[in-house]
N, C-alpha and C. Protein backbone atom coordinates (compact mmCIF):
# COMPACT_ATOMS: atom_id res chain seq x y z
N MET A 1 0.82 -1.20 0.00
CA MET A 1 0.00 0.00 0.00
C MET A 1 0.86 1.25 0.00
N MET A 2 2.04 1.14 -0.43
CA MET A 2 2.95 2.26 -0.44
C MET A 2 2.49 3.30 -1.46
N GLY A 3 2.46 4.61 -1.08
CA GLY A 3 2.10 5.67 -1.99
C GLY A 3 0.61 5.96 -2.06
N ARG A 4 -0.19 5.20 -1.39
CA ARG A 4 -1.64 5.47 -1.41
C ARG A 4 -2.07 6.01 -0.06
N CYS A 5 -2.93 7.03 -0.09
CA CYS A 5 -3.46 7.59 1.14
C CYS A 5 -4.68 6.78 1.56
N PRO A 6 -4.84 6.58 2.85
CA PRO A 6 -6.07 5.94 3.32
C PRO A 6 -7.27 6.82 2.97
N PRO A 7 -8.46 6.24 2.78
CA PRO A 7 -9.64 7.01 2.40
C PRO A 7 -9.95 8.17 3.33
N VAL A 8 -9.75 8.01 4.61
CA VAL A 8 -10.04 9.09 5.56
C VAL A 8 -9.10 10.27 5.33
N ARG A 9 -7.82 9.99 5.09
CA ARG A 9 -6.86 11.05 4.84
C ARG A 9 -7.19 11.78 3.54
N ARG A 10 -7.59 11.04 2.50
CA ARG A 10 -7.99 11.67 1.23
C ARG A 10 -9.19 12.59 1.44
N LEU A 11 -10.15 12.14 2.23
CA LEU A 11 -11.34 12.95 2.52
C LEU A 11 -10.95 14.22 3.27
N LEU A 12 -10.04 14.07 4.23
CA LEU A 12 -9.58 15.22 5.01
C LEU A 12 -8.85 16.21 4.11
N ILE A 13 -7.99 15.73 3.25
CA ILE A 13 -7.25 16.61 2.33
C ILE A 13 -8.22 17.31 1.38
N ALA A 14 -9.17 16.58 0.83
CA ALA A 14 -10.17 17.18 -0.07
C ALA A 14 -10.98 18.25 0.66
N SER A 15 -11.33 17.99 1.91
CA SER A 15 -12.09 18.97 2.70
C SER A 15 -11.28 20.23 2.95
N LEU A 16 -9.99 20.06 3.27
CA LEU A 16 -9.13 21.22 3.50
C LEU A 16 -8.96 22.06 2.23
N VAL A 17 -8.79 21.39 1.10
CA VAL A 17 -8.67 22.10 -0.18
C VAL A 17 -9.96 22.86 -0.48
N ALA A 18 -11.10 22.22 -0.28
CA ALA A 18 -12.39 22.88 -0.53
C ALA A 18 -12.58 24.07 0.40
N ALA A 19 -12.23 23.92 1.67
CA ALA A 19 -12.37 25.03 2.62
C ALA A 19 -11.45 26.19 2.25
N SER A 20 -10.23 25.86 1.82
CA SER A 20 -9.29 26.92 1.41
C SER A 20 -9.80 27.68 0.20
N LEU A 21 -10.32 26.97 -0.79
CA LEU A 21 -10.86 27.62 -1.99
C LEU A 21 -12.07 28.47 -1.64
N THR A 22 -12.93 27.97 -0.76
CA THR A 22 -14.11 28.74 -0.34
C THR A 22 -13.67 30.03 0.35
N ALA A 23 -12.68 29.93 1.23
CA ALA A 23 -12.18 31.12 1.92
C ALA A 23 -11.56 32.11 0.94
N LEU A 24 -10.84 31.61 -0.05
CA LEU A 24 -10.22 32.47 -1.05
C LEU A 24 -11.28 33.23 -1.85
N PHE A 25 -12.30 32.50 -2.32
CA PHE A 25 -13.37 33.16 -3.09
C PHE A 25 -14.17 34.11 -2.23
N ALA A 26 -14.41 33.77 -0.98
CA ALA A 26 -15.16 34.65 -0.07
C ALA A 26 -14.38 35.93 0.19
N SER A 27 -13.06 35.83 0.38
CA SER A 27 -12.27 37.04 0.62
C SER A 27 -12.22 37.91 -0.62
N ALA A 28 -12.17 37.31 -1.80
CA ALA A 28 -12.19 38.09 -3.05
C ALA A 28 -13.53 38.79 -3.20
N ALA A 29 -14.62 38.13 -2.87
CA ALA A 29 -15.94 38.75 -2.95
C ALA A 29 -16.06 39.87 -1.94
N LEU A 30 -15.52 39.68 -0.73
CA LEU A 30 -15.58 40.71 0.29
C LEU A 30 -14.79 41.93 -0.14
N ALA A 31 -13.61 41.72 -0.74
CA ALA A 31 -12.81 42.84 -1.22
C ALA A 31 -13.56 43.61 -2.29
N ARG A 32 -14.28 42.90 -3.16
CA ARG A 32 -15.05 43.55 -4.21
C ARG A 32 -16.17 44.39 -3.61
N VAL A 33 -16.82 43.89 -2.59
CA VAL A 33 -17.93 44.60 -1.97
C VAL A 33 -17.47 45.94 -1.41
N GLN A 34 -16.26 46.01 -0.89
CA GLN A 34 -15.81 47.19 -0.18
C GLN A 34 -15.20 48.27 -1.07
N THR A 35 -15.07 48.06 -2.37
CA THR A 35 -14.38 49.05 -3.19
C THR A 35 -15.26 50.22 -3.63
N LEU A 36 -16.52 49.98 -3.90
CA LEU A 36 -17.42 51.05 -4.32
C LEU A 36 -18.77 50.87 -3.63
N VAL A 37 -19.10 51.83 -2.80
CA VAL A 37 -20.40 51.84 -2.14
C VAL A 37 -21.12 53.09 -2.62
N PRO A 38 -22.08 52.95 -3.56
CA PRO A 38 -22.76 54.14 -4.08
C PRO A 38 -23.31 55.02 -2.96
N GLN A 39 -23.15 56.31 -3.15
CA GLN A 39 -23.60 57.33 -2.21
C GLN A 39 -22.85 57.28 -0.88
N SER A 40 -21.69 56.59 -0.86
CA SER A 40 -20.92 56.49 0.38
C SER A 40 -19.42 56.64 0.15
N SER A 41 -18.81 55.69 -0.60
CA SER A 41 -17.35 55.72 -0.70
C SER A 41 -16.83 54.98 -1.92
N ILE A 42 -15.61 55.32 -2.29
CA ILE A 42 -14.84 54.57 -3.27
C ILE A 42 -13.53 54.22 -2.58
N ARG A 43 -13.23 52.94 -2.48
CA ARG A 43 -12.05 52.42 -1.80
C ARG A 43 -11.93 52.93 -0.37
N GLY A 44 -13.04 53.16 0.28
CA GLY A 44 -13.04 53.61 1.67
C GLY A 44 -12.92 55.11 1.84
N VAL A 45 -12.73 55.85 0.74
CA VAL A 45 -12.62 57.31 0.81
C VAL A 45 -14.01 57.91 0.66
N LYS A 46 -14.33 58.82 1.58
CA LYS A 46 -15.65 59.46 1.58
C LYS A 46 -15.51 60.96 1.40
N VAL A 47 -16.56 61.55 0.86
CA VAL A 47 -16.63 63.01 0.77
C VAL A 47 -16.56 63.56 2.19
N GLY A 48 -15.77 64.62 2.37
CA GLY A 48 -15.62 65.25 3.68
C GLY A 48 -14.35 64.86 4.41
N MET A 49 -13.70 63.76 4.00
CA MET A 49 -12.42 63.39 4.62
C MET A 49 -11.38 64.44 4.30
N VAL A 50 -10.32 64.49 5.10
CA VAL A 50 -9.19 65.39 4.83
C VAL A 50 -8.02 64.55 4.32
N ALA A 51 -6.96 65.21 3.86
CA ALA A 51 -5.84 64.54 3.20
C ALA A 51 -5.23 63.42 4.05
N SER A 52 -5.03 63.66 5.33
CA SER A 52 -4.41 62.63 6.18
C SER A 52 -5.29 61.38 6.27
N GLN A 53 -6.60 61.55 6.28
CA GLN A 53 -7.52 60.40 6.32
C GLN A 53 -7.48 59.63 5.00
N VAL A 54 -7.38 60.36 3.89
CA VAL A 54 -7.30 59.72 2.58
C VAL A 54 -6.01 58.92 2.47
N ARG A 55 -4.89 59.51 2.92
CA ARG A 55 -3.62 58.79 2.88
C ARG A 55 -3.65 57.54 3.76
N SER A 56 -4.36 57.60 4.88
CA SER A 56 -4.43 56.41 5.74
C SER A 56 -5.22 55.29 5.08
N LYS A 57 -6.14 55.63 4.17
CA LYS A 57 -6.91 54.62 3.44
C LYS A 57 -6.17 54.11 2.21
N LEU A 58 -5.52 55.03 1.45
CA LEU A 58 -4.95 54.68 0.15
C LEU A 58 -3.42 54.68 0.09
N GLY A 59 -2.77 55.16 1.14
CA GLY A 59 -1.32 55.22 1.13
C GLY A 59 -0.81 56.51 0.50
N ARG A 60 0.42 56.48 0.08
CA ARG A 60 1.05 57.66 -0.52
C ARG A 60 0.51 57.86 -1.94
N PRO A 61 0.10 59.08 -2.29
CA PRO A 61 -0.41 59.31 -3.65
C PRO A 61 0.69 59.25 -4.70
N ASP A 62 0.30 58.83 -5.90
CA ASP A 62 1.23 58.83 -7.04
C ASP A 62 1.53 60.26 -7.47
N SER A 63 0.55 61.14 -7.30
CA SER A 63 0.76 62.56 -7.56
C SER A 63 -0.13 63.37 -6.63
N ASN A 64 0.33 64.58 -6.35
CA ASN A 64 -0.38 65.49 -5.44
C ASN A 64 -0.19 66.88 -6.03
N ARG A 65 -1.23 67.39 -6.71
CA ARG A 65 -1.08 68.65 -7.45
C ARG A 65 -2.07 69.70 -6.97
N THR A 66 -1.71 70.93 -7.19
CA THR A 66 -2.62 72.05 -6.97
C THR A 66 -3.16 72.44 -8.34
N LEU A 67 -4.47 72.59 -8.42
CA LEU A 67 -5.13 72.94 -9.67
C LEU A 67 -5.88 74.25 -9.51
N ALA A 68 -6.00 74.99 -10.59
CA ALA A 68 -6.80 76.21 -10.59
C ALA A 68 -8.18 75.86 -11.12
N ASP A 69 -9.20 76.05 -10.29
CA ASP A 69 -10.58 75.78 -10.68
C ASP A 69 -11.29 77.11 -10.88
N PRO A 70 -12.03 77.28 -11.99
CA PRO A 70 -12.67 78.57 -12.26
C PRO A 70 -13.75 78.94 -11.24
N ILE A 71 -14.30 77.98 -10.54
CA ILE A 71 -15.35 78.26 -9.56
C ILE A 71 -14.80 78.25 -8.14
N LEU A 72 -13.97 77.28 -7.82
CA LEU A 72 -13.49 77.10 -6.44
C LEU A 72 -12.15 77.75 -6.14
N GLY A 73 -11.45 78.19 -7.16
CA GLY A 73 -10.10 78.72 -6.94
C GLY A 73 -9.11 77.58 -6.91
N LYS A 74 -8.11 77.67 -6.03
CA LYS A 74 -7.10 76.61 -5.94
C LYS A 74 -7.68 75.40 -5.22
N THR A 75 -7.45 74.23 -5.83
CA THR A 75 -7.88 72.97 -5.23
C THR A 75 -6.73 71.98 -5.28
N ARG A 76 -6.82 70.94 -4.48
CA ARG A 76 -5.81 69.88 -4.48
C ARG A 76 -6.40 68.65 -5.15
N MET A 77 -5.55 67.96 -5.93
CA MET A 77 -5.96 66.69 -6.53
C MET A 77 -4.87 65.68 -6.26
N MET A 78 -5.25 64.57 -5.62
CA MET A 78 -4.33 63.45 -5.39
C MET A 78 -4.74 62.31 -6.31
N ARG A 79 -3.74 61.66 -6.88
CA ARG A 79 -4.01 60.51 -7.74
C ARG A 79 -3.36 59.28 -7.11
N PHE A 80 -4.15 58.22 -7.04
CA PHE A 80 -3.70 56.92 -6.53
C PHE A 80 -4.01 55.90 -7.62
N GLY A 81 -3.07 55.68 -8.54
CA GLY A 81 -3.34 54.82 -9.68
C GLY A 81 -4.44 55.44 -10.52
N LEU A 82 -5.54 54.74 -10.70
CA LEU A 82 -6.66 55.23 -11.52
C LEU A 82 -7.75 55.91 -10.68
N VAL A 83 -7.46 56.15 -9.41
CA VAL A 83 -8.40 56.84 -8.52
C VAL A 83 -7.91 58.27 -8.30
N GLU A 84 -8.79 59.24 -8.53
CA GLU A 84 -8.48 60.65 -8.29
C GLU A 84 -9.33 61.15 -7.13
N VAL A 85 -8.70 61.90 -6.23
CA VAL A 85 -9.40 62.49 -5.09
C VAL A 85 -9.19 63.99 -5.15
N ARG A 86 -10.28 64.75 -5.17
CA ARG A 86 -10.18 66.21 -5.23
C ARG A 86 -10.69 66.82 -3.94
N PHE A 87 -10.01 67.88 -3.52
CA PHE A 87 -10.32 68.56 -2.27
C PHE A 87 -10.81 69.98 -2.56
N ARG A 88 -11.61 70.51 -1.66
CA ARG A 88 -12.08 71.90 -1.79
C ARG A 88 -11.07 72.80 -1.10
N GLY A 89 -10.01 73.13 -1.82
CA GLY A 89 -8.93 73.94 -1.27
C GLY A 89 -7.64 73.16 -1.24
N VAL A 90 -6.59 73.81 -0.69
CA VAL A 90 -5.26 73.19 -0.67
C VAL A 90 -4.72 72.99 0.74
N ARG A 91 -5.44 73.41 1.74
CA ARG A 91 -4.98 73.26 3.12
C ARG A 91 -5.11 71.81 3.57
N SER A 92 -4.41 71.48 4.63
CA SER A 92 -4.44 70.10 5.14
C SER A 92 -5.83 69.71 5.66
N ASN A 93 -6.64 70.71 6.04
CA ASN A 93 -7.99 70.41 6.53
C ASN A 93 -9.07 70.62 5.47
N SER A 94 -8.66 70.80 4.21
CA SER A 94 -9.65 70.95 3.13
C SER A 94 -10.34 69.61 2.91
N PRO A 95 -11.67 69.61 2.78
CA PRO A 95 -12.40 68.34 2.65
C PRO A 95 -12.42 67.80 1.22
N VAL A 96 -12.53 66.48 1.12
CA VAL A 96 -12.73 65.82 -0.17
C VAL A 96 -14.09 66.25 -0.71
N ILE A 97 -14.13 66.62 -1.98
CA ILE A 97 -15.41 66.95 -2.62
C ILE A 97 -15.75 65.99 -3.76
N ASN A 98 -14.73 65.22 -4.22
CA ASN A 98 -14.97 64.36 -5.37
C ASN A 98 -13.95 63.22 -5.38
N ILE A 99 -14.45 62.00 -5.61
CA ILE A 99 -13.60 60.83 -5.81
C ILE A 99 -14.05 60.22 -7.13
N SER A 100 -13.10 59.93 -8.02
CA SER A 100 -13.48 59.30 -9.29
C SER A 100 -12.48 58.23 -9.67
N THR A 101 -12.92 57.31 -10.51
CA THR A 101 -12.04 56.24 -10.95
C THR A 101 -12.42 55.75 -12.34
N THR A 102 -11.41 55.28 -13.05
CA THR A 102 -11.62 54.59 -14.31
C THR A 102 -11.13 53.14 -14.20
N SER A 103 -10.85 52.71 -12.98
CA SER A 103 -10.35 51.36 -12.73
C SER A 103 -11.46 50.32 -12.81
N LYS A 104 -11.17 49.21 -13.45
CA LYS A 104 -12.12 48.11 -13.52
C LYS A 104 -12.17 47.32 -12.22
N LYS A 105 -11.27 47.62 -11.30
CA LYS A 105 -11.22 46.91 -10.01
C LYS A 105 -12.28 47.40 -9.03
N GLU A 106 -12.71 48.65 -9.17
CA GLU A 106 -13.67 49.21 -8.23
C GLU A 106 -15.07 48.73 -8.61
N ARG A 107 -15.71 48.00 -7.71
CA ARG A 107 -17.01 47.38 -8.00
C ARG A 107 -17.97 47.54 -6.84
N THR A 108 -19.26 47.57 -7.17
CA THR A 108 -20.30 47.54 -6.14
C THR A 108 -20.44 46.10 -5.64
N ALA A 109 -21.25 45.92 -4.62
CA ALA A 109 -21.49 44.57 -4.09
C ALA A 109 -22.07 43.65 -5.16
N SER A 110 -22.82 44.23 -6.10
CA SER A 110 -23.42 43.42 -7.17
C SER A 110 -22.51 43.31 -8.40
N GLY A 111 -21.27 43.85 -8.31
CA GLY A 111 -20.30 43.69 -9.39
C GLY A 111 -20.32 44.77 -10.45
N ILE A 112 -21.04 45.86 -10.23
CA ILE A 112 -21.13 46.95 -11.21
C ILE A 112 -19.91 47.85 -11.08
N GLY A 113 -19.34 48.23 -12.23
CA GLY A 113 -18.19 49.13 -12.25
C GLY A 113 -17.81 49.46 -13.68
N VAL A 114 -16.62 50.00 -13.86
CA VAL A 114 -16.14 50.33 -15.20
C VAL A 114 -16.15 49.07 -16.05
N GLY A 115 -16.73 49.18 -17.24
CA GLY A 115 -16.85 48.04 -18.14
C GLY A 115 -18.24 47.40 -18.11
N SER A 116 -19.02 47.67 -17.07
CA SER A 116 -20.37 47.12 -16.98
C SER A 116 -21.26 47.78 -18.03
N SER A 117 -22.25 47.06 -18.50
CA SER A 117 -23.19 47.65 -19.45
C SER A 117 -24.20 48.52 -18.71
N GLU A 118 -24.77 49.47 -19.42
CA GLU A 118 -25.82 50.30 -18.82
C GLU A 118 -26.99 49.43 -18.38
N ARG A 119 -27.28 48.42 -19.15
CA ARG A 119 -28.38 47.51 -18.82
C ARG A 119 -28.13 46.83 -17.46
N ALA A 120 -26.90 46.32 -17.26
CA ALA A 120 -26.55 45.68 -15.99
C ALA A 120 -26.58 46.68 -14.84
N LEU A 121 -26.10 47.90 -15.10
CA LEU A 121 -26.12 48.96 -14.11
C LEU A 121 -27.54 49.24 -13.65
N ARG A 122 -28.44 49.40 -14.61
CA ARG A 122 -29.84 49.72 -14.29
C ARG A 122 -30.53 48.57 -13.57
N ALA A 123 -30.13 47.34 -13.89
CA ALA A 123 -30.71 46.18 -13.22
C ALA A 123 -30.23 46.07 -11.77
N ALA A 124 -29.01 46.54 -11.52
CA ALA A 124 -28.40 46.39 -10.20
C ALA A 124 -28.73 47.53 -9.23
N LEU A 125 -28.92 48.73 -9.76
CA LEU A 125 -29.17 49.90 -8.90
C LEU A 125 -30.66 50.12 -8.69
N ARG A 126 -30.97 50.86 -7.65
CA ARG A 126 -32.36 51.27 -7.39
C ARG A 126 -32.38 52.78 -7.22
N GLY A 127 -33.28 53.45 -7.91
CA GLY A 127 -33.41 54.89 -7.77
C GLY A 127 -32.52 55.70 -8.69
N GLU A 128 -31.90 55.04 -9.67
CA GLU A 128 -31.01 55.74 -10.59
C GLU A 128 -31.81 56.50 -11.65
N THR A 129 -31.18 57.50 -12.20
CA THR A 129 -31.71 58.24 -13.34
C THR A 129 -30.66 58.17 -14.43
N CYS A 130 -31.07 57.90 -15.66
CA CYS A 130 -30.14 57.85 -16.79
C CYS A 130 -30.61 58.84 -17.84
N ARG A 131 -29.66 59.56 -18.41
CA ARG A 131 -30.03 60.59 -19.37
C ARG A 131 -28.82 60.94 -20.24
N THR A 132 -29.10 61.43 -21.44
CA THR A 132 -28.06 62.00 -22.30
C THR A 132 -28.26 63.51 -22.28
N GLU A 133 -27.22 64.23 -21.87
CA GLU A 133 -27.28 65.68 -21.79
C GLU A 133 -26.07 66.26 -22.52
N PHE A 134 -26.33 67.08 -23.53
CA PHE A 134 -25.27 67.70 -24.32
C PHE A 134 -24.29 66.66 -24.88
N GLY A 135 -24.82 65.51 -25.28
CA GLY A 135 -24.01 64.46 -25.86
C GLY A 135 -23.32 63.55 -24.84
N TYR A 136 -23.55 63.80 -23.55
CA TYR A 136 -22.93 63.02 -22.48
C TYR A 136 -23.97 62.12 -21.84
N ARG A 137 -23.77 60.81 -21.94
CA ARG A 137 -24.68 59.83 -21.36
C ARG A 137 -24.18 59.45 -19.97
N HIS A 138 -25.07 59.50 -18.99
CA HIS A 138 -24.69 59.10 -17.64
C HIS A 138 -25.91 58.65 -16.84
N CYS A 139 -25.64 57.86 -15.82
CA CYS A 139 -26.66 57.43 -14.86
C CYS A 139 -26.17 57.87 -13.49
N TRP A 140 -27.09 58.28 -12.63
CA TRP A 140 -26.66 58.76 -11.32
C TRP A 140 -27.67 58.42 -10.24
N LEU A 141 -27.15 58.44 -9.03
CA LEU A 141 -27.96 58.32 -7.82
C LEU A 141 -27.82 59.65 -7.08
N GLY A 142 -28.87 60.10 -6.46
CA GLY A 142 -28.84 61.37 -5.74
C GLY A 142 -29.51 62.47 -6.56
N GLN A 143 -29.43 63.68 -6.03
CA GLN A 143 -30.06 64.83 -6.69
C GLN A 143 -29.01 65.90 -6.97
N TRP A 144 -29.14 66.50 -8.15
CA TRP A 144 -28.21 67.56 -8.55
C TRP A 144 -28.63 68.87 -7.90
N LYS A 145 -28.56 68.91 -6.57
CA LYS A 145 -28.88 70.12 -5.80
C LYS A 145 -27.66 70.46 -4.94
N PRO A 146 -27.37 71.75 -4.77
CA PRO A 146 -26.20 72.14 -3.97
C PRO A 146 -26.18 71.44 -2.61
N GLY A 147 -25.01 70.88 -2.28
CA GLY A 147 -24.84 70.20 -1.00
C GLY A 147 -25.21 68.72 -1.03
N SER A 148 -25.82 68.26 -2.13
CA SER A 148 -26.24 66.86 -2.22
C SER A 148 -25.10 65.97 -2.70
N LEU A 149 -25.15 64.71 -2.28
CA LEU A 149 -24.17 63.71 -2.71
C LEU A 149 -24.67 63.03 -3.97
N ILE A 150 -23.78 62.84 -4.94
CA ILE A 150 -24.11 62.22 -6.22
C ILE A 150 -23.13 61.08 -6.49
N THR A 151 -23.65 59.96 -6.97
CA THR A 151 -22.81 58.91 -7.55
C THR A 151 -23.15 58.90 -9.03
N ASP A 152 -22.16 59.18 -9.88
CA ASP A 152 -22.39 59.34 -11.31
C ASP A 152 -21.60 58.29 -12.08
N PHE A 153 -22.27 57.62 -13.01
CA PHE A 153 -21.66 56.60 -13.86
C PHE A 153 -21.65 57.13 -15.28
N SER A 154 -20.47 57.43 -15.84
CA SER A 154 -20.36 57.89 -17.23
C SER A 154 -20.53 56.68 -18.14
N ILE A 155 -21.33 56.85 -19.21
CA ILE A 155 -21.63 55.76 -20.14
C ILE A 155 -21.09 56.12 -21.52
N SER A 156 -20.36 55.21 -22.13
CA SER A 156 -19.79 55.43 -23.46
C SER A 156 -20.87 55.26 -24.54
N LYS A 157 -20.53 55.61 -25.76
CA LYS A 157 -21.46 55.44 -26.88
C LYS A 157 -21.80 53.98 -27.11
N SER A 158 -20.90 53.07 -26.68
CA SER A 158 -21.17 51.64 -26.81
C SER A 158 -22.00 51.08 -25.65
N GLY A 159 -22.39 51.97 -24.72
CA GLY A 159 -23.29 51.55 -23.63
C GLY A 159 -22.60 50.95 -22.43
N ARG A 160 -21.31 51.26 -22.24
CA ARG A 160 -20.54 50.72 -21.11
C ARG A 160 -20.11 51.83 -20.15
N VAL A 161 -20.01 51.50 -18.87
CA VAL A 161 -19.53 52.45 -17.86
C VAL A 161 -18.05 52.71 -18.11
N THR A 162 -17.65 53.99 -18.16
CA THR A 162 -16.25 54.34 -18.39
C THR A 162 -15.62 55.03 -17.19
N ARG A 163 -16.43 55.62 -16.32
CA ARG A 163 -15.92 56.34 -15.14
C ARG A 163 -16.98 56.31 -14.05
N LEU A 164 -16.51 56.20 -12.82
CA LEU A 164 -17.38 56.30 -11.65
C LEU A 164 -16.97 57.54 -10.89
N MET A 165 -17.94 58.30 -10.41
CA MET A 165 -17.63 59.50 -9.66
C MET A 165 -18.57 59.59 -8.47
N LEU A 166 -18.01 59.93 -7.33
CA LEU A 166 -18.78 60.20 -6.12
C LEU A 166 -18.39 61.59 -5.68
N GLY A 167 -19.36 62.46 -5.55
CA GLY A 167 -19.01 63.82 -5.17
C GLY A 167 -20.19 64.59 -4.62
N ILE A 168 -19.85 65.76 -4.15
CA ILE A 168 -20.88 66.65 -3.61
C ILE A 168 -21.14 67.75 -4.63
N VAL A 169 -22.39 68.10 -4.80
CA VAL A 169 -22.77 69.16 -5.74
C VAL A 169 -22.41 70.50 -5.07
N ILE A 170 -21.56 71.25 -5.72
CA ILE A 170 -21.07 72.53 -5.18
C ILE A 170 -22.11 73.61 -5.45
N ASP A 171 -22.30 74.45 -4.45
CA ASP A 171 -23.27 75.55 -4.62
C ASP A 171 -22.64 76.78 -5.18
């Protein structure tokens, strides 16, 4: 019987392999759930956070620039790979006003993100509005009123999500 495992040992090994695979898939699903929460956060970053809080969530930014905005004046923009975080001002206590991404990794709990079809997006979300305005197709959650939070999904001409944005409507 050299080289053969007893049936009990084979069953135990098969059970351990199955448990490991289940844990692996469950952790991957959990990571997916936490990347985009409509009307709440992208990768754990929320509107209203300050730079130090954003860095604690995402680490060191790939770039950190000051931009001139025609409405807000000077603003800060940090880039973390394909995620951009914009602040209302350049001070350390300036709040996040917008988080956007073009990454296919950022997904809702139901798997919606960049690359998803508009049809899948509409099937997965509740309370969304979709419209083409000035040649720009998008679907959003929230209301376009000053101070309101918006989750906006840019839609390409081929009907696919190209960008996700979470932000506050500036007055």
